[in-house]
N, C-alpha and C. Protein backbone atom coordinates (compact mmCIF):
# COMPACT_ATOMS: atom_id res chain seq x y z
N MET A 1 0.84 -1.16 0.00
CA MET A 1 0.00 0.00 0.00
C MET A 1 0.88 1.23 0.00
N HIS A 2 0.57 2.16 -0.84
CA HIS A 2 1.39 3.35 -1.01
C HIS A 2 0.65 4.56 -0.44
N TRP A 3 1.33 5.35 0.36
CA TRP A 3 0.75 6.57 0.94
C TRP A 3 0.79 7.67 -0.10
N ASN A 4 -0.36 8.25 -0.36
CA ASN A 4 -0.44 9.33 -1.34
C ASN A 4 -0.06 10.63 -0.65
N ASP A 5 1.10 11.15 -1.00
CA ASP A 5 1.64 12.34 -0.36
C ASP A 5 1.35 13.57 -1.22
N SER A 6 0.06 13.81 -1.51
CA SER A 6 -0.28 14.89 -2.43
C SER A 6 -0.95 16.08 -1.73
N TRP A 7 -0.64 16.31 -0.47
CA TRP A 7 -1.22 17.44 0.23
C TRP A 7 -0.57 18.72 -0.27
N SER A 8 -1.40 19.64 -0.68
CA SER A 8 -0.85 20.92 -1.15
C SER A 8 -0.80 21.89 0.02
N GLY A 9 -0.31 23.07 -0.24
CA GLY A 9 -0.23 24.10 0.79
C GLY A 9 -1.59 24.52 1.30
N TRP A 10 -2.59 24.51 0.41
CA TRP A 10 -3.95 24.88 0.81
C TRP A 10 -4.54 23.88 1.78
N ASN A 11 -4.27 22.60 1.56
CA ASN A 11 -4.78 21.57 2.46
C ASN A 11 -4.18 21.74 3.86
N TRP A 12 -2.89 22.03 3.93
CA TRP A 12 -2.24 22.24 5.22
C TRP A 12 -2.80 23.49 5.91
N ALA A 13 -3.00 24.56 5.15
CA ALA A 13 -3.52 25.79 5.72
C ALA A 13 -4.94 25.57 6.25
N LEU A 14 -5.77 24.88 5.50
CA LEU A 14 -7.13 24.60 5.93
C LEU A 14 -7.14 23.74 7.18
N MET A 15 -6.27 22.76 7.25
CA MET A 15 -6.18 21.91 8.42
C MET A 15 -5.74 22.73 9.65
N MET A 16 -4.80 23.62 9.50
CA MET A 16 -4.33 24.44 10.62
C MET A 16 -5.43 25.41 11.09
N ILE A 17 -6.17 25.99 10.16
CA ILE A 17 -7.26 26.90 10.53
C ILE A 17 -8.35 26.13 11.27
N ALA A 18 -8.69 24.95 10.78
CA ALA A 18 -9.71 24.14 11.44
C ALA A 18 -9.26 23.74 12.84
N MET A 19 -8.01 23.39 13.00
CA MET A 19 -7.50 23.00 14.31
C MET A 19 -7.50 24.19 15.27
N ALA A 20 -7.10 25.35 14.80
CA ALA A 20 -7.11 26.55 15.64
C ALA A 20 -8.54 26.90 16.04
N ALA A 21 -9.48 26.77 15.11
CA ALA A 21 -10.88 27.06 15.42
C ALA A 21 -11.42 26.06 16.45
N PHE A 22 -11.07 24.81 16.31
CA PHE A 22 -11.51 23.79 17.26
C PHE A 22 -11.01 24.10 18.66
N TRP A 23 -9.71 24.34 18.80
CA TRP A 23 -9.14 24.61 20.12
C TRP A 23 -9.63 25.95 20.67
N GLY A 24 -9.88 26.90 19.79
CA GLY A 24 -10.45 28.17 20.24
C GLY A 24 -11.83 27.97 20.83
N LEU A 25 -12.65 27.13 20.20
CA LEU A 25 -13.98 26.83 20.74
C LEU A 25 -13.90 26.08 22.06
N VAL A 26 -12.94 25.18 22.18
CA VAL A 26 -12.78 24.45 23.44
C VAL A 26 -12.41 25.42 24.56
N VAL A 27 -11.46 26.31 24.32
CA VAL A 27 -11.06 27.29 25.34
C VAL A 27 -12.21 28.23 25.66
N TRP A 28 -12.93 28.69 24.64
CA TRP A 28 -14.07 29.58 24.84
C TRP A 28 -15.13 28.91 25.72
N GLY A 29 -15.39 27.63 25.49
CA GLY A 29 -16.36 26.89 26.30
C GLY A 29 -15.92 26.75 27.74
N ILE A 30 -14.66 26.46 27.95
CA ILE A 30 -14.14 26.32 29.32
C ILE A 30 -14.22 27.65 30.06
N VAL A 31 -13.83 28.73 29.40
CA VAL A 31 -13.90 30.04 30.03
C VAL A 31 -15.36 30.41 30.32
N GLY A 32 -16.24 30.10 29.41
CA GLY A 32 -17.66 30.38 29.63
C GLY A 32 -18.22 29.63 30.82
N LEU A 33 -17.84 28.38 30.97
CA LEU A 33 -18.30 27.60 32.12
C LEU A 33 -17.70 28.10 33.43
N ALA A 34 -16.45 28.54 33.37
CA ALA A 34 -15.80 29.04 34.58
C ALA A 34 -16.39 30.37 35.02
N ARG A 35 -16.83 31.20 34.10
CA ARG A 35 -17.39 32.50 34.44
C ARG A 35 -18.86 32.44 34.83
N SER A 36 -19.55 31.41 34.48
CA SER A 36 -20.99 31.31 34.72
C SER A 36 -21.38 31.49 36.18
N PRO A 37 -20.73 30.84 37.15
CA PRO A 37 -21.13 31.04 38.55
C PRO A 37 -20.92 32.48 39.02
N GLN A 38 -19.87 33.14 38.56
CA GLN A 38 -19.63 34.53 38.94
C GLN A 38 -20.75 35.41 38.44
N ARG A 39 -21.20 35.17 37.24
CA ARG A 39 -22.26 35.99 36.65
C ARG A 39 -23.56 35.79 37.41
N SER A 40 -23.92 34.55 37.71
CA SER A 40 -25.17 34.30 38.41
C SER A 40 -25.12 34.85 39.83
N GLN A 41 -23.95 34.82 40.47
CA GLN A 41 -23.82 35.37 41.81
C GLN A 41 -23.98 36.89 41.76
N ARG A 42 -23.42 37.54 40.76
CA ARG A 42 -23.53 38.98 40.62
C ARG A 42 -24.99 39.37 40.37
N LEU A 43 -25.69 38.60 39.54
CA LEU A 43 -27.09 38.90 39.28
C LEU A 43 -27.95 38.68 40.52
N ALA A 44 -27.64 37.67 41.29
CA ALA A 44 -28.41 37.40 42.50
C ALA A 44 -28.21 38.50 43.53
N SER A 45 -26.99 39.04 43.63
CA SER A 45 -26.74 40.08 44.62
C SER A 45 -27.45 41.37 44.25
N ASN A 46 -27.65 41.65 42.99
CA ASN A 46 -28.34 42.86 42.57
C ASN A 46 -29.84 42.69 42.54
N SER A 47 -30.34 41.48 42.56
CA SER A 47 -31.77 41.28 42.39
C SER A 47 -32.57 41.85 43.56
N ALA A 48 -32.06 41.77 44.78
CA ALA A 48 -32.79 42.32 45.92
C ALA A 48 -32.90 43.84 45.81
N GLU A 49 -31.82 44.49 45.38
CA GLU A 49 -31.85 45.93 45.20
C GLU A 49 -32.79 46.32 44.06
N GLU A 50 -32.81 45.52 43.01
CA GLU A 50 -33.71 45.81 41.90
C GLU A 50 -35.17 45.68 42.32
N ILE A 51 -35.48 44.67 43.12
CA ILE A 51 -36.85 44.48 43.61
C ILE A 51 -37.24 45.66 44.49
N LEU A 52 -36.31 46.08 45.34
CA LEU A 52 -36.58 47.22 46.21
C LEU A 52 -36.83 48.49 45.40
N ALA A 53 -36.02 48.70 44.36
CA ALA A 53 -36.21 49.88 43.51
C ALA A 53 -37.54 49.82 42.77
N ARG A 54 -37.95 48.64 42.34
CA ARG A 54 -39.24 48.51 41.67
C ARG A 54 -40.40 48.80 42.63
N ARG A 55 -40.24 48.37 43.87
CA ARG A 55 -41.30 48.65 44.87
C ARG A 55 -41.41 50.14 45.13
N LEU A 56 -40.27 50.84 45.18
CA LEU A 56 -40.30 52.29 45.36
C LEU A 56 -40.96 52.95 44.16
N ALA A 57 -40.59 52.53 42.97
CA ALA A 57 -41.15 53.11 41.75
C ALA A 57 -42.66 52.87 41.65
N ALA A 58 -43.12 51.74 42.16
CA ALA A 58 -44.55 51.43 42.11
C ALA A 58 -45.33 52.11 43.23
N GLY A 59 -44.62 52.76 44.17
CA GLY A 59 -45.29 53.44 45.26
C GLY A 59 -45.67 52.54 46.41
N GLU A 60 -45.11 51.35 46.45
CA GLU A 60 -45.43 50.41 47.52
C GLU A 60 -44.73 50.78 48.83
N ILE A 61 -43.58 51.43 48.75
CA ILE A 61 -42.85 51.85 49.94
C ILE A 61 -42.46 53.32 49.80
N ALA A 62 -42.25 53.97 50.95
CA ALA A 62 -41.86 55.38 50.96
C ALA A 62 -40.35 55.51 50.74
N THR A 63 -39.92 56.72 50.43
CA THR A 63 -38.50 56.97 50.13
C THR A 63 -37.61 56.67 51.34
N ASP A 64 -38.03 57.11 52.55
CA ASP A 64 -37.20 56.85 53.73
C ASP A 64 -37.13 55.35 54.05
N ASP A 65 -38.23 54.64 53.83
CA ASP A 65 -38.24 53.19 54.02
C ASP A 65 -37.31 52.52 53.00
N TYR A 66 -37.35 53.00 51.76
CA TYR A 66 -36.47 52.48 50.72
C TYR A 66 -35.01 52.66 51.12
N GLN A 67 -34.66 53.86 51.58
CA GLN A 67 -33.27 54.15 51.93
C GLN A 67 -32.82 53.27 53.10
N HIS A 68 -33.69 53.11 54.09
CA HIS A 68 -33.35 52.26 55.24
C HIS A 68 -33.11 50.81 54.79
N ARG A 69 -34.02 50.29 53.99
CA ARG A 69 -33.89 48.91 53.53
C ARG A 69 -32.66 48.73 52.63
N LEU A 70 -32.36 49.72 51.81
CA LEU A 70 -31.18 49.65 50.95
C LEU A 70 -29.91 49.64 51.79
N ASP A 71 -29.86 50.46 52.84
CA ASP A 71 -28.70 50.46 53.73
C ASP A 71 -28.52 49.11 54.40
N VAL A 72 -29.62 48.50 54.82
CA VAL A 72 -29.55 47.18 55.45
C VAL A 72 -29.04 46.14 54.45
N LEU A 73 -29.54 46.19 53.22
CA LEU A 73 -29.08 45.24 52.21
C LEU A 73 -27.60 45.39 51.93
N ARG A 74 -27.13 46.60 51.81
CA ARG A 74 -25.73 46.84 51.45
C ARG A 74 -24.78 46.58 52.63
N SER A 75 -25.26 46.68 53.85
CA SER A 75 -24.39 46.45 55.01
C SER A 75 -24.12 44.96 55.19
N GLY A 76 -25.04 44.12 54.77
CA GLY A 76 -24.87 42.68 54.92
C GLY A 76 -25.25 42.18 56.29
N LYS A 77 -25.70 43.07 57.16
CA LYS A 77 -26.10 42.67 58.51
C LYS A 77 -27.60 42.37 58.50
N PRO A 78 -28.03 41.43 59.35
CA PRO A 78 -29.47 41.15 59.42
C PRO A 78 -30.19 42.33 60.05
N PRO A 79 -31.40 42.60 59.61
CA PRO A 79 -32.14 43.73 60.16
C PRO A 79 -32.54 43.47 61.61
N THR A 80 -32.56 44.54 62.41
CA THR A 80 -32.99 44.41 63.78
C THR A 80 -34.50 44.52 63.85
N GLY A 81 -35.10 43.93 64.86
CA GLY A 81 -36.55 43.99 65.00
C GLY A 81 -37.02 45.39 65.30
N GLN A 82 -38.16 45.78 64.75
CA GLN A 82 -38.66 47.14 64.97
C GLN A 82 -39.89 47.10 65.80
């Protein structure tokens, strides 16, 4: 059996581009998976403030109540009983 050694320069270039694209996608996927928990944690931390802002905008709470609750959220301490 004889090996056909007829690969031209274009075949080699196409193979190298395909290999670089493959490894680029693998790295992109790994980075995406590694960043996913950070993104969801960041969204979760802002969601309480967003809910509070929506309640203020809807008129459900007063401005001073909003500011007090926002301070409690940002301090990270549990609220004291009132």
